[in-house]
PDB file of N, CA and C in Angstrom:
ATOM      1  N   UNK A   1      72.801-175.980 114.661  1.00  0.00           N
ATOM      2  CA  UNK A   1      73.933-175.376 113.137  1.00  0.00           C
ATOM      3  C   UNK A   1      73.464-175.382 112.293  1.00  0.00           C
ATOM      4  N   UNK A   2      74.821-174.842 111.478  1.00  0.00           N
ATOM      5  CA  UNK A   2      74.193-174.201 110.355  1.00  0.00           C
ATOM      6  C   UNK A   2      74.480-175.658 109.238  1.00  0.00           C
ATOM      7  N   UNK A   3      73.156-175.410 108.184  1.00  0.00           N
ATOM      8  CA  UNK A   3      73.450-176.754 107.172  1.00  0.00           C
ATOM      9  C   UNK A   3      75.059-176.254 106.545  1.00  0.00           C
ATOM     10  N   UNK A   4      74.557-176.769 104.795  1.00  0.00           N
ATOM     11  CA  UNK A   4      75.389-177.450 104.099  1.00  0.00           C
ATOM     12  C   UNK A   4      75.658-175.583 104.064  1.00  0.00           C
ATOM     13  N   UNK A   5      74.731-175.001 103.453  1.00  0.00           N
ATOM     14  CA  UNK A   5      75.398-173.810 102.578  1.00  0.00           C
ATOM     15  C   UNK A   5      75.354-172.683 104.055  1.00  0.00           C
ATOM     16  N   UNK A   6      75.461-172.943 105.267  1.00  0.00           N
ATOM     17  CA  UNK A   6      76.129-171.989 105.774  1.00  0.00           C
ATOM     18  C   UNK A   6      75.194-170.926 106.976  1.00  0.00           C
ATOM     19  N   UNK A   7      73.939-171.078 106.474  1.00  0.00           N
ATOM     20  CA  UNK A   7      72.826-170.567 107.003  1.00  0.00           C
ATOM     21  C   UNK A   7      72.318-170.753 108.363  1.00  0.00           C
ATOM     22  N   UNK A   8      71.775-170.303 109.019  1.00  0.00           N
ATOM     23  CA  UNK A   8      71.345-170.321 110.386  1.00  0.00           C
ATOM     24  C   UNK A   8      70.092-170.657 110.210  1.00  0.00           C
ATOM     25  N   UNK A   9      69.677-171.849 110.816  1.00  0.00           N
ATOM     26  CA  UNK A   9      68.380-171.598 110.430  1.00  0.00           C
ATOM     27  C   UNK A   9      67.361-170.510 110.781  1.00  0.00           C
ATOM     28  N   UNK A  10      66.114-170.059 110.520  1.00  0.00           N
ATOM     29  CA  UNK A  10      65.337-168.950 110.940  1.00  0.00           C
ATOM     30  C   UNK A  10      66.379-167.386 110.134  1.00  0.00           C
ATOM     31  N   UNK A  11      68.021-167.755 109.757  1.00  0.00           N
ATOM     32  CA  UNK A  11      68.455-166.843 108.771  1.00  0.00           C
ATOM     33  C   UNK A  11      67.455-166.198 107.726  1.00  0.00           C
ATOM     34  N   UNK A  12      67.604-164.743 107.488  1.00  0.00           N
ATOM     35  CA  UNK A  12      66.983-163.594 106.428  1.00  0.00           C
ATOM     36  C   UNK A  12      68.121-163.486 105.280  1.00  0.00           C
ATOM     37  N   UNK A  13      67.819-163.885 104.081  1.00  0.00           N
ATOM     38  CA  UNK A  13      68.711-163.610 103.219  1.00  0.00           C
ATOM     39  C   UNK A  13      68.749-162.731 103.004  1.00  0.00           C
ATOM     40  N   UNK A  14      70.100-161.816 102.366  1.00  0.00           N
ATOM     41  CA  UNK A  14      70.628-160.670 102.436  1.00  0.00           C
ATOM     42  C   UNK A  14      70.252-160.478 100.511  1.00  0.00           C
ATOM     43  N   UNK A  15      70.056-158.827 100.293  1.00  0.00           N
ATOM     44  CA  UNK A  15      69.206-158.712  99.151  1.00  0.00           C
ATOM     45  C   UNK A  15      70.531-159.004  97.888  1.00  0.00           C
ATOM     46  N   UNK A  16      71.781-159.486  98.742  1.00  0.00           N
ATOM     47  CA  UNK A  16      72.551-159.376  97.082  1.00  0.00           C
ATOM     48  C   UNK A  16      73.611-160.848  98.232  1.00  0.00           C
ATOM     49  N   UNK A  17      74.295-160.928  96.795  1.00  0.00           N
ATOM     50  CA  UNK A  17      75.300-161.671  96.848  1.00  0.00           C
ATOM     51  C   UNK A  17      76.731-161.417  96.698  1.00  0.00           C
ATOM     52  N   UNK A  18      77.851-162.815  96.745  1.00  0.00           N
ATOM     53  CA  UNK A  18      78.856-162.661  96.045  1.00  0.00           C
ATOM     54  C   UNK A  18      78.921-162.310  95.120  1.00  0.00           C
ATOM     55  N   UNK A  19      79.539-161.400  94.149  1.00  0.00           N
ATOM     56  CA  UNK A  19      79.757-161.220  92.694  1.00  0.00           C
ATOM     57  C   UNK A  19      79.200-160.170  92.112  1.00  0.00           C
ATOM     58  N   UNK A  20      78.039-159.336  93.066  1.00  0.00           N
ATOM     59  CA  UNK A  20      76.966-159.131  91.868  1.00  0.00           C
ATOM     60  C   UNK A  20      77.959-157.633  92.556  1.00  0.00           C
ATOM     61  N   UNK A  21      76.856-156.661  91.432  1.00  0.00           N
ATOM     62  CA  UNK A  21      78.204-155.512  91.348  1.00  0.00           C
ATOM     63  C   UNK A  21      76.951-154.374  92.426  1.00  0.00           C
ATOM     64  N   UNK A  22      77.085-153.367  92.617  1.00  0.00           N
ATOM     65  CA  UNK A  22      76.363-152.673  93.521  1.00  0.00           C
ATOM     66  C   UNK A  22      76.847-151.201  93.674  1.00  0.00           C
ATOM     67  N   UNK A  23      76.362-150.025  93.739  1.00  0.00           N
ATOM     68  CA  UNK A  23      76.819-149.425  94.354  1.00  0.00           C
ATOM     69  C   UNK A  23      75.485-148.697  95.266  1.00  0.00           C
ATOM     70  N   UNK A  24      76.334-147.469  96.191  1.00  0.00           N
ATOM     71  CA  UNK A  24      76.008-147.180  97.483  1.00  0.00           C
ATOM     72  C   UNK A  24      77.087-146.263  98.493  1.00  0.00           C
ATOM     73  N   UNK A  25      76.454-146.010  99.311  1.00  0.00           N
ATOM     74  CA  UNK A  25      76.903-144.878 100.476  1.00  0.00           C
ATOM     75  C   UNK A  25      77.674-145.628 101.563  1.00  0.00           C
ATOM     76  N   UNK A  26      79.199-145.217 101.136  1.00  0.00           N
ATOM     77  CA  UNK A  26      79.859-146.061 102.499  1.00  0.00           C
ATOM     78  C   UNK A  26      79.161-145.878 103.701  1.00  0.00           C
ATOM     79  N   UNK A  27      79.633-146.748 104.405  1.00  0.00           N
ATOM     80  CA  UNK A  27      78.722-147.051 105.734  1.00  0.00           C
ATOM     81  C   UNK A  27      80.125-146.813 106.659  1.00  0.00           C
ATOM     82  N   UNK A  28      79.631-145.416 107.467  1.00  0.00           N
ATOM     83  CA  UNK A  28      80.797-144.547 108.191  1.00  0.00           C
ATOM     84  C   UNK A  28      80.139-145.218 109.949  1.00  0.00           C
ATOM     85  N   UNK A  29      80.837-145.535 110.574  1.00  0.00           N
ATOM     86  CA  UNK A  29      80.592-145.222 111.934  1.00  0.00           C
ATOM     87  C   UNK A  29      79.798-144.242 112.741  1.00  0.00           C
ATOM     88  N   UNK A  30      78.980-144.416 113.915  1.00  0.00           N
ATOM     89  CA  UNK A  30      77.962-143.698 114.140  1.00  0.00           C
ATOM     90  C   UNK A  30      78.698-142.575 114.949  1.00  0.00           C
ATOM     91  N   UNK A  31      79.509-142.282 114.893  1.00  0.00           N
ATOM     92  CA  UNK A  31      80.806-141.225 115.624  1.00  0.00           C
ATOM     93  C   UNK A  31      81.417-140.240 114.475  1.00  0.00           C
ATOM     94  N   UNK A  32      81.226-140.675 113.131  1.00  0.00           N
ATOM     95  CA  UNK A  32      81.860-140.398 111.887  1.00  0.00           C
ATOM     96  C   UNK A  32      80.697-139.148 111.438  1.00  0.00           C
ATOM     97  N   UNK A  33      80.782-138.272 111.380  1.00  0.00           N
ATOM     98  CA  UNK A  33      79.564-137.345 110.801  1.00  0.00           C
ATOM     99  C   UNK A  33      80.018-136.678 109.333  1.00  0.00           C
ATOM    100  N   UNK A  34      81.252-137.538 108.812  1.00  0.00           N
ATOM    101  CA  UNK A  34      81.198-136.700 107.801  1.00  0.00           C
ATOM    102  C   UNK A  34      80.098-137.085 106.858  1.00  0.00           C
ATOM    103  N   UNK A  35      79.821-136.550 105.513  1.00  0.00           N
ATOM    104  CA  UNK A  35      78.991-137.381 103.958  1.00  0.00           C
ATOM    105  C   UNK A  35      79.753-138.549 103.487  1.00  0.00           C
ATOM    106  N   UNK A  36      79.031-139.858 103.303  1.00  0.00           N
ATOM    107  CA  UNK A  36      79.757-140.945 102.861  1.00  0.00           C
ATOM    108  C   UNK A  36      79.366-140.930 101.357  1.00  0.00           C
ATOM    109  N   UNK A  37      80.679-141.238 101.096  1.00  0.00           N
ATOM    110  CA  UNK A  37      80.818-141.194  99.841  1.00  0.00           C
ATOM    111  C   UNK A  37      80.165-142.110  99.241  1.00  0.00           C
ATOM    112  N   UNK A  38      80.115-142.189  97.909  1.00  0.00           N
ATOM    113  CA  UNK A  38      78.917-142.901  97.140  1.00  0.00           C
ATOM    114  C   UNK A  38      80.108-144.600  96.133  1.00  0.00           C
ATOM    115  N   UNK A  39      80.399-145.390  96.212  1.00  0.00           N
ATOM    116  CA  UNK A  39      80.889-146.339  95.617  1.00  0.00           C
ATOM    117  C   UNK A  39      80.144-147.231  94.509  1.00  0.00           C
ATOM    118  N   UNK A  40      80.814-147.869  93.938  1.00  0.00           N
ATOM    119  CA  UNK A  40      80.648-148.586  93.330  1.00  0.00           C
ATOM    120  C   UNK A  40      81.281-149.989  92.953  1.00  0.00           C
ATOM    121  N   UNK A  41      81.098-151.053  93.559  1.00  0.00           N
ATOM    122  CA  UNK A  41      82.086-152.481  93.230  1.00  0.00           C
ATOM    123  C   UNK A  41      81.665-153.669  93.101  1.00  0.00           C
ATOM    124  N   UNK A  42      82.132-154.722  93.419  1.00  0.00           N
ATOM    125  CA  UNK A  42      81.557-156.209  92.939  1.00  0.00           C
ATOM    126  C   UNK A  42      81.795-156.300  94.572  1.00  0.00           C
ATOM    127  N   UNK A  43      80.442-156.850  94.956  1.00  0.00           N
ATOM    128  CA  UNK A  43      80.577-157.685  96.313  1.00  0.00           C
ATOM    129  C   UNK A  43      81.823-158.775  96.414  1.00  0.00           C
ATOM    130  N   UNK A  44      82.367-158.563  97.418  1.00  0.00           N
ATOM    131  CA  UNK A  44      82.954-159.759  97.813  1.00  0.00           C
ATOM    132  C   UNK A  44      82.858-160.622  99.685  1.00  0.00           C
ATOM    133  N   UNK A  45      81.995-159.489 100.149  1.00  0.00           N
ATOM    134  CA  UNK A  45      81.400-160.145 101.626  1.00  0.00           C
ATOM    135  C   UNK A  45      80.289-159.713 102.091  1.00  0.00           C
ATOM    136  N   UNK A  46      79.613-160.642 102.159  1.00  0.00           N
ATOM    137  CA  UNK A  46      77.856-159.479 102.792  1.00  0.00           C
ATOM    138  C   UNK A  46      78.136-159.657 104.432  1.00  0.00           C
ATOM    139  N   UNK A  47      78.588-158.545 105.008  1.00  0.00           N
ATOM    140  CA  UNK A  47      78.104-158.513 106.539  1.00  0.00           C
ATOM    141  C   UNK A  47      79.791-158.538 106.929  1.00  0.00           C
ATOM    142  N   UNK A  48      79.758-158.883 108.333  1.00  0.00           N
ATOM    143  CA  UNK A  48      80.954-159.170 108.948  1.00  0.00           C
ATOM    144  C   UNK A  48      81.181-160.705 109.091  1.00  0.00           C
ATOM    145  N   UNK A  49      80.882-161.467 108.899  1.00  0.00           N
ATOM    146  CA  UNK A  49      80.840-162.782 109.086  1.00  0.00           C
ATOM    147  C   UNK A  49      80.546-163.698 110.112  1.00  0.00           C
ATOM    148  N   UNK A  50      80.328-162.690 110.855  1.00  0.00           N
ATOM    149  CA  UNK A  50      80.132-163.061 112.255  1.00  0.00           C
ATOM    150  C   UNK A  50      78.545-162.759 112.944  1.00  0.00           C
ATOM    151  N   UNK A  51      78.021-163.751 113.303  1.00  0.00           N
ATOM    152  CA  UNK A  51      77.011-163.857 113.937  1.00  0.00           C
ATOM    153  C   UNK A  51      76.235-162.716 115.395  1.00  0.00           C
ATOM    154  N   UNK A  52      75.499-162.432 114.307  1.00  0.00           N
ATOM    155  CA  UNK A  52      75.143-160.765 114.954  1.00  0.00           C
ATOM    156  C   UNK A  52      76.108-159.723 115.518  1.00  0.00           C
ATOM    157  N   UNK A  53      76.689-159.649 114.541  1.00  0.00           N
ATOM    158  CA  UNK A  53      77.247-158.182 114.446  1.00  0.00           C
ATOM    159  C   UNK A  53      76.844-157.228 113.832  1.00  0.00           C
ATOM    160  N   UNK A  54      76.466-157.179 112.742  1.00  0.00           N
ATOM    161  CA  UNK A  54      76.600-156.301 112.115  1.00  0.00           C
ATOM    162  C   UNK A  54      74.484-156.218 111.938  1.00  0.00           C
ATOM    163  N   UNK A  55      73.634-156.608 112.976  1.00  0.00           N
ATOM    164  CA  UNK A  55      72.939-157.006 112.482  1.00  0.00           C
ATOM    165  C   UNK A  55      71.592-154.998 112.239  1.00  0.00           C
ATOM    166  N   UNK A  56      72.471-154.664 113.657  1.00  0.00           N
ATOM    167  CA  UNK A  56      71.515-153.428 113.856  1.00  0.00           C
ATOM    168  C   UNK A  56      71.885-151.952 112.217  1.00  0.00           C
ATOM    169  N   UNK A  57      73.101-152.252 111.507  1.00  0.00           N
ATOM    170  CA  UNK A  57      73.828-151.493 110.502  1.00  0.00           C
ATOM    171  C   UNK A  57      74.265-152.581 109.704  1.00  0.00           C
ATOM    172  N   UNK A  58      73.862-153.164 108.325  1.00  0.00           N
ATOM    173  CA  UNK A  58      74.013-154.395 107.677  1.00  0.00           C
ATOM    174  C   UNK A  58      74.834-153.384 107.381  1.00  0.00           C
ATOM    175  N   UNK A  59      75.845-154.100 106.471  1.00  0.00           N
ATOM    176  CA  UNK A  59      76.931-154.058 105.352  1.00  0.00           C
ATOM    177  C   UNK A  59      77.681-154.660 104.616  1.00  0.00           C
ATOM    178  N   UNK A  60      77.669-154.362 102.784  1.00  0.00           N
ATOM    179  CA  UNK A  60      78.663-154.976 102.336  1.00  0.00           C
ATOM    180  C   UNK A  60      80.076-154.899 102.299  1.00  0.00           C
ATOM    181  N   UNK A  61      80.943-155.530 101.917  1.00  0.00           N
ATOM    182  CA  UNK A  61      81.701-155.230 101.231  1.00  0.00           C
ATOM    183  C   UNK A  61      82.215-155.779 100.106  1.00  0.00           C
ATOM    184  N   UNK A  62      83.012-154.294  99.516  1.00  0.00           N
ATOM    185  CA  UNK A  62      82.936-154.481  97.581  1.00  0.00           C
ATOM    186  C   UNK A  62      84.506-153.985  97.407  1.00  0.00           C
ATOM    187  N   UNK A  63      84.738-154.424  96.317  1.00  0.00           N
ATOM    188  CA  UNK A  63      86.020-154.881  95.637  1.00  0.00           C
ATOM    189  C   UNK A  63      85.947-153.460  94.665  1.00  0.00           C
ATOM    190  N   UNK A  64      86.350-152.139  94.405  1.00  0.00           N
ATOM    191  CA  UNK A  64      86.784-151.454  93.769  1.00  0.00           C
ATOM    192  C   UNK A  64      87.494-151.325  92.612  1.00  0.00           C
ATOM    193  N   UNK A  65      87.232-150.431  91.425  1.00  0.00           N
ATOM    194  CA  UNK A  65      87.545-151.142  90.304  1.00  0.00           C
ATOM    195  C   UNK A  65      89.323-150.484  90.306  1.00  0.00           C
ATOM    196  N   UNK A  66      90.013-150.015  91.400  1.00  0.00           N
ATOM    197  CA  UNK A  66      91.330-150.081  91.883  1.00  0.00           C
ATOM    198  C   UNK A  66      91.969-151.009  92.662  1.00  0.00           C
ATOM    199  N   UNK A  67      91.122-152.073  92.701  1.00  0.00           N
ATOM    200  CA  UNK A  67      91.624-153.517  93.695  1.00  0.00           C
ATOM    201  C   UNK A  67      91.516-153.232  95.067  1.00  0.00           C
ATOM    202  N   UNK A  68      91.031-151.956  95.394  1.00  0.00           N
ATOM    203  CA  UNK A  68      90.532-151.252  96.899  1.00  0.00           C
ATOM    204  C   UNK A  68      89.249-151.868  97.425  1.00  0.00           C
ATOM    205  N   UNK A  69      89.125-151.898  98.613  1.00  0.00           N
ATOM    206  CA  UNK A  69      87.838-152.526  99.199  1.00  0.00           C
ATOM    207  C   UNK A  69      87.341-151.160 100.267  1.00  0.00           C
ATOM    208  N   UNK A  70      86.178-151.110 100.252  1.00  0.00           N
ATOM    209  CA  UNK A  70      85.199-150.217 101.314  1.00  0.00           C
ATOM    210  C   UNK A  70      83.951-151.664 101.478  1.00  0.00           C
ATOM    211  N   UNK A  71      82.697-150.488 102.844  1.00  0.00           N
ATOM    212  CA  UNK A  71      81.788-151.398 103.500  1.00  0.00           C
ATOM    213  C   UNK A  71      81.456-150.434 102.989  1.00  0.00           C
ATOM    214  N   UNK A  72      79.811-150.844 102.217  1.00  0.00           N
ATOM    215  CA  UNK A  72      78.684-149.877 102.145  1.00  0.00           C
ATOM    216  C   UNK A  72      77.972-150.089 102.954  1.00  0.00           C
ATOM    217  N   UNK A  73      77.146-149.422 103.114  1.00  0.00           N
ATOM    218  CA  UNK A  73      75.895-149.480 103.757  1.00  0.00           C
ATOM    219  C   UNK A  73      74.622-150.455 103.045  1.00  0.00           C
ATOM    220  N   UNK A  74      74.465-151.473 103.906  1.00  0.00           N
ATOM    221  CA  UNK A  74      73.529-152.243 102.591  1.00  0.00           C
ATOM    222  C   UNK A  74      71.907-152.107 102.561  1.00  0.00           C
ATOM    223  N   UNK A  75      71.509-150.992 103.276  1.00  0.00           N
ATOM    224  CA  UNK A  75      70.337-150.816 102.727  1.00  0.00           C
ATOM    225  C   UNK A  75      70.466-149.303 101.802  1.00  0.00           C
ATOM    226  N   UNK A  76      71.188-148.941 101.775  1.00  0.00           N
ATOM    227  CA  UNK A  76      70.865-147.977 100.877  1.00  0.00           C
ATOM    228  C   UNK A  76      71.709-147.947  99.310  1.00  0.00           C
ATOM    229  N   UNK A  77      72.235-149.679  99.383  1.00  0.00           N
ATOM    230  CA  UNK A  77      73.025-149.784  97.951  1.00  0.00           C
ATOM    231  C   UNK A  77      71.619-150.745  96.887  1.00  0.00           C
ATOM    232  N   UNK A  78      71.946-149.951  95.925  1.00  0.00           N
ATOM    233  CA  UNK A  78      71.417-150.647  94.873  1.00  0.00           C
ATOM    234  C   UNK A  78      72.321-151.868  93.791  1.00  0.00           C
ATOM    235  N   UNK A  79      71.458-152.895  92.925  1.00  0.00           N
ATOM    236  CA  UNK A  79      72.162-153.366  92.102  1.00  0.00           C
ATOM    237  C   UNK A  79      72.873-152.422  90.508  1.00  0.00           C
ATOM    238  N   UNK A  80      73.663-152.152  90.281  1.00  0.00           N
ATOM    239  CA  UNK A  80      74.185-151.892  89.001  1.00  0.00           C
ATOM    240  C   UNK A  80      73.788-152.802  87.556  1.00  0.00           C
ATOM    241  N   UNK A  81      72.672-152.093  87.334  1.00  0.00           N
ATOM    242  CA  UNK A  81      72.759-152.492  85.686  1.00  0.00           C
ATOM    243  C   UNK A  81      74.248-153.293  84.403  1.00  0.00           C
ATOM    244  N   UNK A  82      74.069-153.881  83.906  1.00  0.00           N
ATOM    245  CA  UNK A  82      75.675-154.457  83.203  1.00  0.00           C
ATOM    246  C   UNK A  82      75.480-152.752  82.379  1.00  0.00           C
ATOM    247  N   UNK A  83      74.750-152.538  81.839  1.00  0.00           N
ATOM    248  CA  UNK A  83      74.173-151.419  80.777  1.00  0.00           C
ATOM    249  C   UNK A  83      74.748-149.733  81.692  1.00  0.00           C
ATOM    250  N   UNK A  84      74.885-150.331  82.980  1.00  0.00           N
ATOM    251  CA  UNK A  84      74.914-148.758  83.577  1.00  0.00           C
ATOM    252  C   UNK A  84      76.586-149.018  84.429  1.00  0.00           C
ATOM    253  N   UNK A  85      77.250-150.010  84.316  1.00  0.00           N
ATOM    254  CA  UNK A  85      78.806-149.773  85.235  1.00  0.00           C
ATOM    255  C   UNK A  85      79.368-149.201  84.477  1.00  0.00           C
ATOM    256  N   UNK A  86      80.686-148.950  85.348  1.00  0.00           N
ATOM    257  CA  UNK A  86      81.754-147.787  85.420  1.00  0.00           C
ATOM    258  C   UNK A  86      82.589-148.699  84.805  1.00  0.00           C
ATOM    259  N   UNK A  87      83.103-148.259  84.157  1.00  0.00           N
ATOM    260  CA  UNK A  87      84.222-149.120  83.416  1.00  0.00           C
ATOM    261  C   UNK A  87      85.443-149.722  84.317  1.00  0.00           C
TER     262      UNK A  87
END
């Protein structure tokens, strides 16, 4: 049973949390051979929210400056320092 934090016992912490600003490539499906675009945005969700669903291809949902959201590949994202953030 998950504790008050919502984490499962033994769960590994994600390197990012809601509210962080990150930059990284869009997480495309394995059937999509397009080159992923790079986006910068505020993390609004880490993973799918479902246990085990994104274990192999972990991702973040980020909200872009135009208020749309994109799914980014968590392993290829980086925190964006305040001085380097887009307007």
